[in-house]
């Protein structure tokens, strides 16, 4: 069974076609060619489906980095401590 961090990383890898070792605190929308408006909607949708959450508008708009995304998901009781 995959951990939440593995699920989270796999979504980024699939949506943005990036290598796992590029996913760190400096991975942001500004530095990612495929992280455009369509990529953002796809990312949000995949995360909502995988973690069974529904992001509010403010969280969707502020979800601009790999690191910040984990902080937002923690607000929805998604734990990355495994």
PDB file of N, CA and C in Angstrom:
ATOM      1  N   UNK A   1       0.843  -1.197   0.000  1.00  0.00           N
ATOM      2  CA  UNK A   1       0.000   0.000   0.000  1.00  0.00           C
ATOM      3  C   UNK A   1       0.881   1.250   0.000  1.00  0.00           C
ATOM      4  N   UNK A   2       0.541   2.188  -0.856  1.00  0.00           N
ATOM      5  CA  UNK A   2       1.337   3.407  -0.953  1.00  0.00           C
ATOM      6  C   UNK A   2       1.043   4.366   0.197  1.00  0.00           C
ATOM      7  N   UNK A   3       2.079   5.072   0.613  1.00  0.00           N
ATOM      8  CA  UNK A   3       1.910   6.105   1.630  1.00  0.00           C
ATOM      9  C   UNK A   3       1.319   7.350   0.972  1.00  0.00           C
ATOM     10  N   UNK A   4       0.844   8.266   1.791  1.00  0.00           N
ATOM     11  CA  UNK A   4       0.275   9.505   1.248  1.00  0.00           C
ATOM     12  C   UNK A   4       1.307  10.320   0.482  1.00  0.00           C
ATOM     13  N   UNK A   5       2.547  10.336   0.964  1.00  0.00           N
ATOM     14  CA  UNK A   5       3.574  11.105   0.246  1.00  0.00           C
ATOM     15  C   UNK A   5       3.860  10.469  -1.110  1.00  0.00           C
ATOM     16  N   UNK A   6       3.830   9.156  -1.192  1.00  0.00           N
ATOM     17  CA  UNK A   6       4.025   8.475  -2.475  1.00  0.00           C
ATOM     18  C   UNK A   6       2.873   8.782  -3.427  1.00  0.00           C
ATOM     19  N   UNK A   7       1.661   8.754  -2.919  1.00  0.00           N
ATOM     20  CA  UNK A   7       0.494   9.096  -3.741  1.00  0.00           C
ATOM     21  C   UNK A   7       0.599  10.538  -4.243  1.00  0.00           C
ATOM     22  N   UNK A   8       0.979  11.425  -3.334  1.00  0.00           N
ATOM     23  CA  UNK A   8       1.106  12.848  -3.660  1.00  0.00           C
ATOM     24  C   UNK A   8       2.152  13.051  -4.762  1.00  0.00           C
ATOM     25  N   UNK A   9       3.327  12.457  -4.562  1.00  0.00           N
ATOM     26  CA  UNK A   9       4.395  12.588  -5.556  1.00  0.00           C
ATOM     27  C   UNK A   9       3.978  11.996  -6.897  1.00  0.00           C
ATOM     28  N   UNK A  10       3.327  10.852  -6.882  1.00  0.00           N
ATOM     29  CA  UNK A  10       2.920  10.202  -8.128  1.00  0.00           C
ATOM     30  C   UNK A  10       1.971  11.069  -8.943  1.00  0.00           C
ATOM     31  N   UNK A  11       1.109  11.813  -8.259  1.00  0.00           N
ATOM     32  CA  UNK A  11       0.199  12.713  -8.974  1.00  0.00           C
ATOM     33  C   UNK A  11       0.988  13.816  -9.677  1.00  0.00           C
ATOM     34  N   UNK A  12       1.961  14.406  -8.990  1.00  0.00           N
ATOM     35  CA  UNK A  12       2.793  15.436  -9.613  1.00  0.00           C
ATOM     36  C   UNK A  12       3.578  14.867 -10.796  1.00  0.00           C
ATOM     37  N   UNK A  13       4.127  13.664 -10.626  1.00  0.00           N
ATOM     38  CA  UNK A  13       4.895  13.018 -11.690  1.00  0.00           C
ATOM     39  C   UNK A  13       4.014  12.786 -12.911  1.00  0.00           C
ATOM     40  N   UNK A  14       2.805  12.302 -12.682  1.00  0.00           N
ATOM     41  CA  UNK A  14       1.876  11.990 -13.773  1.00  0.00           C
ATOM     42  C   UNK A  14       1.356  13.265 -14.467  1.00  0.00           C
ATOM     43  N   UNK A  15       0.949  14.240 -13.677  1.00  0.00           N
ATOM     44  CA  UNK A  15       0.346  15.455 -14.243  1.00  0.00           C
ATOM     45  C   UNK A  15       1.382  16.317 -14.971  1.00  0.00           C
ATOM     46  N   UNK A  16       2.570  16.454 -14.387  1.00  0.00           N
ATOM     47  CA  UNK A  16       3.567  17.376 -14.947  1.00  0.00           C
ATOM     48  C   UNK A  16       4.710  16.681 -15.677  1.00  0.00           C
ATOM     49  N   UNK A  17       4.683  15.345 -15.716  1.00  0.00           N
ATOM     50  CA  UNK A  17       5.700  14.575 -16.427  1.00  0.00           C
ATOM     51  C   UNK A  17       7.108  14.972 -15.966  1.00  0.00           C
ATOM     52  N   UNK A  18       7.320  14.889 -14.656  1.00  0.00           N
ATOM     53  CA  UNK A  18       8.607  15.248 -14.059  1.00  0.00           C
ATOM     54  C   UNK A  18       9.189  14.042 -13.326  1.00  0.00           C
ATOM     55  N   UNK A  19      10.460  14.121 -13.012  1.00  0.00           N
ATOM     56  CA  UNK A  19      11.116  13.061 -12.245  1.00  0.00           C
ATOM     57  C   UNK A  19      10.896  13.305 -10.760  1.00  0.00           C
ATOM     58  N   UNK A  20      10.855  12.217 -10.011  1.00  0.00           N
ATOM     59  CA  UNK A  20      10.608  12.326  -8.566  1.00  0.00           C
ATOM     60  C   UNK A  20      11.647  13.189  -7.874  1.00  0.00           C
ATOM     61  N   UNK A  21      12.904  13.116  -8.304  1.00  0.00           N
ATOM     62  CA  UNK A  21      13.941  13.886  -7.615  1.00  0.00           C
ATOM     63  C   UNK A  21      13.822  15.399  -7.833  1.00  0.00           C
ATOM     64  N   UNK A  22      12.924  15.828  -8.718  1.00  0.00           N
ATOM     65  CA  UNK A  22      12.706  17.270  -8.893  1.00  0.00           C
ATOM     66  C   UNK A  22      11.637  17.798  -7.937  1.00  0.00           C
ATOM     67  N   UNK A  23      10.950  16.895  -7.238  1.00  0.00           N
ATOM     68  CA  UNK A  23       9.872  17.308  -6.330  1.00  0.00           C
ATOM     69  C   UNK A  23      10.448  17.647  -4.965  1.00  0.00           C
ATOM     70  N   UNK A  24      10.577  18.944  -4.715  1.00  0.00           N
ATOM     71  CA  UNK A  24      11.111  19.435  -3.448  1.00  0.00           C
ATOM     72  C   UNK A  24      10.549  20.823  -3.169  1.00  0.00           C
ATOM     73  N   UNK A  25      11.093  21.483  -2.172  1.00  0.00           N
ATOM     74  CA  UNK A  25      10.542  22.782  -1.760  1.00  0.00           C
ATOM     75  C   UNK A  25      10.689  23.847  -2.837  1.00  0.00           C
ATOM     76  N   UNK A  26      11.557  23.632  -3.827  1.00  0.00           N
ATOM     77  CA  UNK A  26      11.715  24.642  -4.884  1.00  0.00           C
ATOM     78  C   UNK A  26      10.891  24.318  -6.133  1.00  0.00           C
ATOM     79  N   UNK A  27      10.058  23.267  -6.088  1.00  0.00           N
ATOM     80  CA  UNK A  27       9.213  22.923  -7.236  1.00  0.00           C
ATOM     81  C   UNK A  27       7.952  23.783  -7.179  1.00  0.00           C
ATOM     82  N   UNK A  28       7.876  24.778  -8.100  1.00  0.00           N
ATOM     83  CA  UNK A  28       6.739  25.697  -8.100  1.00  0.00           C
ATOM     84  C   UNK A  28       6.150  25.813  -9.500  1.00  0.00           C
ATOM     85  N   UNK A  29       4.971  26.392  -9.568  1.00  0.00           N
ATOM     86  CA  UNK A  29       4.320  26.583 -10.864  1.00  0.00           C
ATOM     87  C   UNK A  29       5.160  27.460 -11.786  1.00  0.00           C
ATOM     88  N   UNK A  30       5.859  28.424 -11.219  1.00  0.00           N
ATOM     89  CA  UNK A  30       6.632  29.371 -12.029  1.00  0.00           C
ATOM     90  C   UNK A  30       7.783  28.692 -12.765  1.00  0.00           C
ATOM     91  N   UNK A  31       8.284  27.597 -12.229  1.00  0.00           N
ATOM     92  CA  UNK A  31       9.424  26.906 -12.820  1.00  0.00           C
ATOM     93  C   UNK A  31       9.036  25.652 -13.596  1.00  0.00           C
ATOM     94  N   UNK A  32       7.739  25.419 -13.755  1.00  0.00           N
ATOM     95  CA  UNK A  32       7.276  24.172 -14.359  1.00  0.00           C
ATOM     96  C   UNK A  32       6.454  24.491 -15.608  1.00  0.00           C
ATOM     97  N   UNK A  33       6.996  24.139 -16.753  1.00  0.00           N
ATOM     98  CA  UNK A  33       6.363  24.488 -18.028  1.00  0.00           C
ATOM     99  C   UNK A  33       4.930  23.969 -18.131  1.00  0.00           C
ATOM    100  N   UNK A  34       4.684  22.746 -17.684  1.00  0.00           N
ATOM    101  CA  UNK A  34       3.353  22.158 -17.826  1.00  0.00           C
ATOM    102  C   UNK A  34       2.372  22.612 -16.739  1.00  0.00           C
ATOM    103  N   UNK A  35       2.859  23.401 -15.768  1.00  0.00           N
ATOM    104  CA  UNK A  35       1.969  23.872 -14.706  1.00  0.00           C
ATOM    105  C   UNK A  35       1.304  25.165 -15.163  1.00  0.00           C
ATOM    106  N   UNK A  36       0.442  25.026 -16.161  1.00  0.00           N
ATOM    107  CA  UNK A  36      -0.358  26.147 -16.641  1.00  0.00           C
ATOM    108  C   UNK A  36      -1.756  26.008 -16.040  1.00  0.00           C
ATOM    109  N   UNK A  37      -2.726  26.742 -16.555  1.00  0.00           N
ATOM    110  CA  UNK A  37      -4.064  26.685 -15.952  1.00  0.00           C
ATOM    111  C   UNK A  37      -4.687  25.302 -16.086  1.00  0.00           C
ATOM    112  N   UNK A  38      -4.507  24.652 -17.221  1.00  0.00           N
ATOM    113  CA  UNK A  38      -5.047  23.304 -17.391  1.00  0.00           C
ATOM    114  C   UNK A  38      -4.329  22.308 -16.479  1.00  0.00           C
ATOM    115  N   UNK A  39      -3.012  22.431 -16.394  1.00  0.00           N
ATOM    116  CA  UNK A  39      -2.247  21.564 -15.495  1.00  0.00           C
ATOM    117  C   UNK A  39      -2.674  21.748 -14.054  1.00  0.00           C
ATOM    118  N   UNK A  40      -2.952  22.991 -13.677  1.00  0.00           N
ATOM    119  CA  UNK A  40      -3.377  23.287 -12.304  1.00  0.00           C
ATOM    120  C   UNK A  40      -4.723  22.627 -11.994  1.00  0.00           C
ATOM    121  N   UNK A  41      -5.671  22.755 -12.905  1.00  0.00           N
ATOM    122  CA  UNK A  41      -6.989  22.139 -12.708  1.00  0.00           C
ATOM    123  C   UNK A  41      -6.871  20.620 -12.640  1.00  0.00           C
ATOM    124  N   UNK A  42      -6.027  20.053 -13.505  1.00  0.00           N
ATOM    125  CA  UNK A  42      -5.813  18.608 -13.501  1.00  0.00           C
ATOM    126  C   UNK A  42      -5.204  18.162 -12.174  1.00  0.00           C
ATOM    127  N   UNK A  43      -4.210  18.902 -11.697  1.00  0.00           N
ATOM    128  CA  UNK A  43      -3.568  18.591 -10.420  1.00  0.00           C
ATOM    129  C   UNK A  43      -4.588  18.613  -9.283  1.00  0.00           C
ATOM    130  N   UNK A  44      -5.361  19.674  -9.199  1.00  0.00           N
ATOM    131  CA  UNK A  44      -6.353  19.819  -8.132  1.00  0.00           C
ATOM    132  C   UNK A  44      -7.362  18.677  -8.189  1.00  0.00           C
ATOM    133  N   UNK A  45      -7.844  18.377  -9.371  1.00  0.00           N
ATOM    134  CA  UNK A  45      -8.821  17.301  -9.550  1.00  0.00           C
ATOM    135  C   UNK A  45      -8.259  15.953  -9.109  1.00  0.00           C
ATOM    136  N   UNK A  46      -7.034  15.658  -9.540  1.00  0.00           N
ATOM    137  CA  UNK A  46      -6.390  14.387  -9.168  1.00  0.00           C
ATOM    138  C   UNK A  46      -6.207  14.283  -7.654  1.00  0.00           C
ATOM    139  N   UNK A  47      -5.787  15.379  -7.031  1.00  0.00           N
ATOM    140  CA  UNK A  47      -5.580  15.382  -5.576  1.00  0.00           C
ATOM    141  C   UNK A  47      -6.900  15.211  -4.838  1.00  0.00           C
ATOM    142  N   UNK A  48      -7.929  15.903  -5.300  1.00  0.00           N
ATOM    143  CA  UNK A  48      -9.239  15.773  -4.654  1.00  0.00           C
ATOM    144  C   UNK A  48      -9.746  14.336  -4.750  1.00  0.00           C
ATOM    145  N   UNK A  49      -9.570  13.715  -5.904  1.00  0.00           N
ATOM    146  CA  UNK A  49     -10.013  12.328  -6.062  1.00  0.00           C
ATOM    147  C   UNK A  49      -9.199  11.365  -5.206  1.00  0.00           C
ATOM    148  N   UNK A  50      -7.891  11.525  -5.217  1.00  0.00           N
ATOM    149  CA  UNK A  50      -7.018  10.595  -4.497  1.00  0.00           C
ATOM    150  C   UNK A  50      -7.217  10.675  -2.988  1.00  0.00           C
ATOM    151  N   UNK A  51      -7.348  11.898  -2.471  1.00  0.00           N
ATOM    152  CA  UNK A  51      -7.410  12.083  -1.025  1.00  0.00           C
ATOM    153  C   UNK A  51      -8.827  12.337  -0.513  1.00  0.00           C
ATOM    154  N   UNK A  52      -9.806  12.256  -1.381  1.00  0.00           N
ATOM    155  CA  UNK A  52     -11.214  12.412  -1.012  1.00  0.00           C
ATOM    156  C   UNK A  52     -11.459  13.710  -0.248  1.00  0.00           C
ATOM    157  N   UNK A  53     -10.997  14.807  -0.850  1.00  0.00           N
ATOM    158  CA  UNK A  53     -11.191  16.140  -0.270  1.00  0.00           C
ATOM    159  C   UNK A  53     -11.815  17.038  -1.326  1.00  0.00           C
ATOM    160  N   UNK A  54     -12.302  18.179  -0.890  1.00  0.00           N
ATOM    161  CA  UNK A  54     -12.817  19.199  -1.797  1.00  0.00           C
ATOM    162  C   UNK A  54     -12.194  20.519  -1.366  1.00  0.00           C
ATOM    163  N   UNK A  55     -11.232  20.999  -2.154  1.00  0.00           N
ATOM    164  CA  UNK A  55     -10.532  22.230  -1.815  1.00  0.00           C
ATOM    165  C   UNK A  55     -11.456  23.426  -1.947  1.00  0.00           C
ATOM    166  N   UNK A  56     -11.280  24.396  -1.047  1.00  0.00           N
ATOM    167  CA  UNK A  56     -12.033  25.636  -1.238  1.00  0.00           C
ATOM    168  C   UNK A  56     -11.258  26.527  -2.218  1.00  0.00           C
ATOM    169  N   UNK A  57     -11.909  27.533  -2.727  1.00  0.00           N
ATOM    170  CA  UNK A  57     -11.344  28.379  -3.777  1.00  0.00           C
ATOM    171  C   UNK A  57     -10.018  28.994  -3.357  1.00  0.00           C
ATOM    172  N   UNK A  58      -9.931  29.481  -2.143  1.00  0.00           N
ATOM    173  CA  UNK A  58      -8.698  30.103  -1.655  1.00  0.00           C
ATOM    174  C   UNK A  58      -7.525  29.125  -1.728  1.00  0.00           C
ATOM    175  N   UNK A  59      -7.764  27.868  -1.331  1.00  0.00           N
ATOM    176  CA  UNK A  59      -6.702  26.871  -1.369  1.00  0.00           C
ATOM    177  C   UNK A  59      -6.298  26.534  -2.803  1.00  0.00           C
ATOM    178  N   UNK A  60      -7.262  26.473  -3.690  1.00  0.00           N
ATOM    179  CA  UNK A  60      -6.958  26.201  -5.102  1.00  0.00           C
ATOM    180  C   UNK A  60      -6.080  27.309  -5.674  1.00  0.00           C
ATOM    181  N   UNK A  61      -6.405  28.547  -5.344  1.00  0.00           N
ATOM    182  CA  UNK A  61      -5.653  29.687  -5.862  1.00  0.00           C
ATOM    183  C   UNK A  61      -4.251  29.792  -5.262  1.00  0.00           C
ATOM    184  N   UNK A  62      -4.079  29.354  -4.007  1.00  0.00           N
ATOM    185  CA  UNK A  62      -2.773  29.481  -3.364  1.00  0.00           C
ATOM    186  C   UNK A  62      -1.909  28.227  -3.510  1.00  0.00           C
ATOM    187  N   UNK A  63      -2.421  27.210  -4.193  1.00  0.00           N
ATOM    188  CA  UNK A  63      -1.705  25.959  -4.384  1.00  0.00           C
ATOM    189  C   UNK A  63      -0.691  26.141  -5.510  1.00  0.00           C
ATOM    190  N   UNK A  64       0.443  26.731  -5.195  1.00  0.00           N
ATOM    191  CA  UNK A  64       1.394  27.076  -6.242  1.00  0.00           C
ATOM    192  C   UNK A  64       2.733  26.386  -6.155  1.00  0.00           C
ATOM    193  N   UNK A  65       2.868  25.455  -5.212  1.00  0.00           N
ATOM    194  CA  UNK A  65       4.139  24.749  -5.095  1.00  0.00           C
ATOM    195  C   UNK A  65       3.923  23.368  -4.494  1.00  0.00           C
ATOM    196  N   UNK A  66       4.891  22.503  -4.714  1.00  0.00           N
ATOM    197  CA  UNK A  66       4.853  21.157  -4.158  1.00  0.00           C
ATOM    198  C   UNK A  66       4.759  21.212  -2.632  1.00  0.00           C
ATOM    199  N   UNK A  67       5.590  22.044  -2.035  1.00  0.00           N
ATOM    200  CA  UNK A  67       5.648  22.174  -0.569  1.00  0.00           C
ATOM    201  C   UNK A  67       4.337  22.748  -0.006  1.00  0.00           C
ATOM    202  N   UNK A  68       3.843  23.815  -0.619  1.00  0.00           N
ATOM    203  CA  UNK A  68       2.614  24.446  -0.141  1.00  0.00           C
ATOM    204  C   UNK A  68       1.415  23.504  -0.266  1.00  0.00           C
ATOM    205  N   UNK A  69       1.426  22.676  -1.287  1.00  0.00           N
ATOM    206  CA  UNK A  69       0.345  21.710  -1.465  1.00  0.00           C
ATOM    207  C   UNK A  69       0.208  20.761  -0.295  1.00  0.00           C
ATOM    208  N   UNK A  70       1.342  20.336   0.260  1.00  0.00           N
ATOM    209  CA  UNK A  70       1.281  19.445   1.437  1.00  0.00           C
ATOM    210  C   UNK A  70       0.690  20.187   2.633  1.00  0.00           C
ATOM    211  N   UNK A  71       1.047  21.449   2.795  1.00  0.00           N
ATOM    212  CA  UNK A  71       0.493  22.236   3.903  1.00  0.00           C
ATOM    213  C   UNK A  71      -1.021  22.375   3.749  1.00  0.00           C
ATOM    214  N   UNK A  72      -1.462  22.622   2.529  1.00  0.00           N
ATOM    215  CA  UNK A  72      -2.901  22.754   2.275  1.00  0.00           C
ATOM    216  C   UNK A  72      -3.613  21.434   2.558  1.00  0.00           C
ATOM    217  N   UNK A  73      -3.057  20.329   2.085  1.00  0.00           N
ATOM    218  CA  UNK A  73      -3.698  19.024   2.321  1.00  0.00           C
ATOM    219  C   UNK A  73      -3.763  18.688   3.808  1.00  0.00           C
ATOM    220  N   UNK A  74      -2.772  19.131   4.578  1.00  0.00           N
ATOM    221  CA  UNK A  74      -2.801  18.878   6.027  1.00  0.00           C
ATOM    222  C   UNK A  74      -4.009  19.554   6.678  1.00  0.00           C
ATOM    223  N   UNK A  75      -4.452  20.687   6.125  1.00  0.00           N
ATOM    224  CA  UNK A  75      -5.660  21.349   6.637  1.00  0.00           C
ATOM    225  C   UNK A  75      -6.890  20.448   6.471  1.00  0.00           C
ATOM    226  N   UNK A  76      -6.819  19.549   5.491  1.00  0.00           N
ATOM    227  CA  UNK A  76      -7.930  18.633   5.209  1.00  0.00           C
ATOM    228  C   UNK A  76      -7.675  17.246   5.838  1.00  0.00           C
ATOM    229  N   UNK A  77      -6.818  17.248   6.845  1.00  0.00           N
ATOM    230  CA  UNK A  77      -6.507  16.046   7.628  1.00  0.00           C
ATOM    231  C   UNK A  77      -5.813  14.941   6.828  1.00  0.00           C
ATOM    232  N   UNK A  78      -5.025  15.333   5.850  1.00  0.00           N
ATOM    233  CA  UNK A  78      -4.193  14.376   5.121  1.00  0.00           C
ATOM    234  C   UNK A  78      -2.821  14.409   5.783  1.00  0.00           C
ATOM    235  N   UNK A  79      -2.369  13.266   6.285  1.00  0.00           N
ATOM    236  CA  UNK A  79      -1.101  13.177   6.992  1.00  0.00           C
ATOM    237  C   UNK A  79      -0.001  12.685   6.056  1.00  0.00           C
ATOM    238  N   UNK A  80       1.176  13.277   6.188  1.00  0.00           N
ATOM    239  CA  UNK A  80       2.333  12.846   5.416  1.00  0.00           C
ATOM    240  C   UNK A  80       3.416  12.287   6.344  1.00  0.00           C
ATOM    241  N   UNK A  81       3.023  11.830   7.517  1.00  0.00           N
ATOM    242  CA  UNK A  81       3.973  11.366   8.531  1.00  0.00           C
ATOM    243  C   UNK A  81       4.218   9.859   8.489  1.00  0.00           C
ATOM    244  N   UNK A  82       4.207   9.251   7.296  1.00  0.00           N
ATOM    245  CA  UNK A  82       4.446   7.814   7.281  1.00  0.00           C
ATOM    246  C   UNK A  82       5.569   7.434   6.353  1.00  0.00           C
TER     247      UNK A  82
END
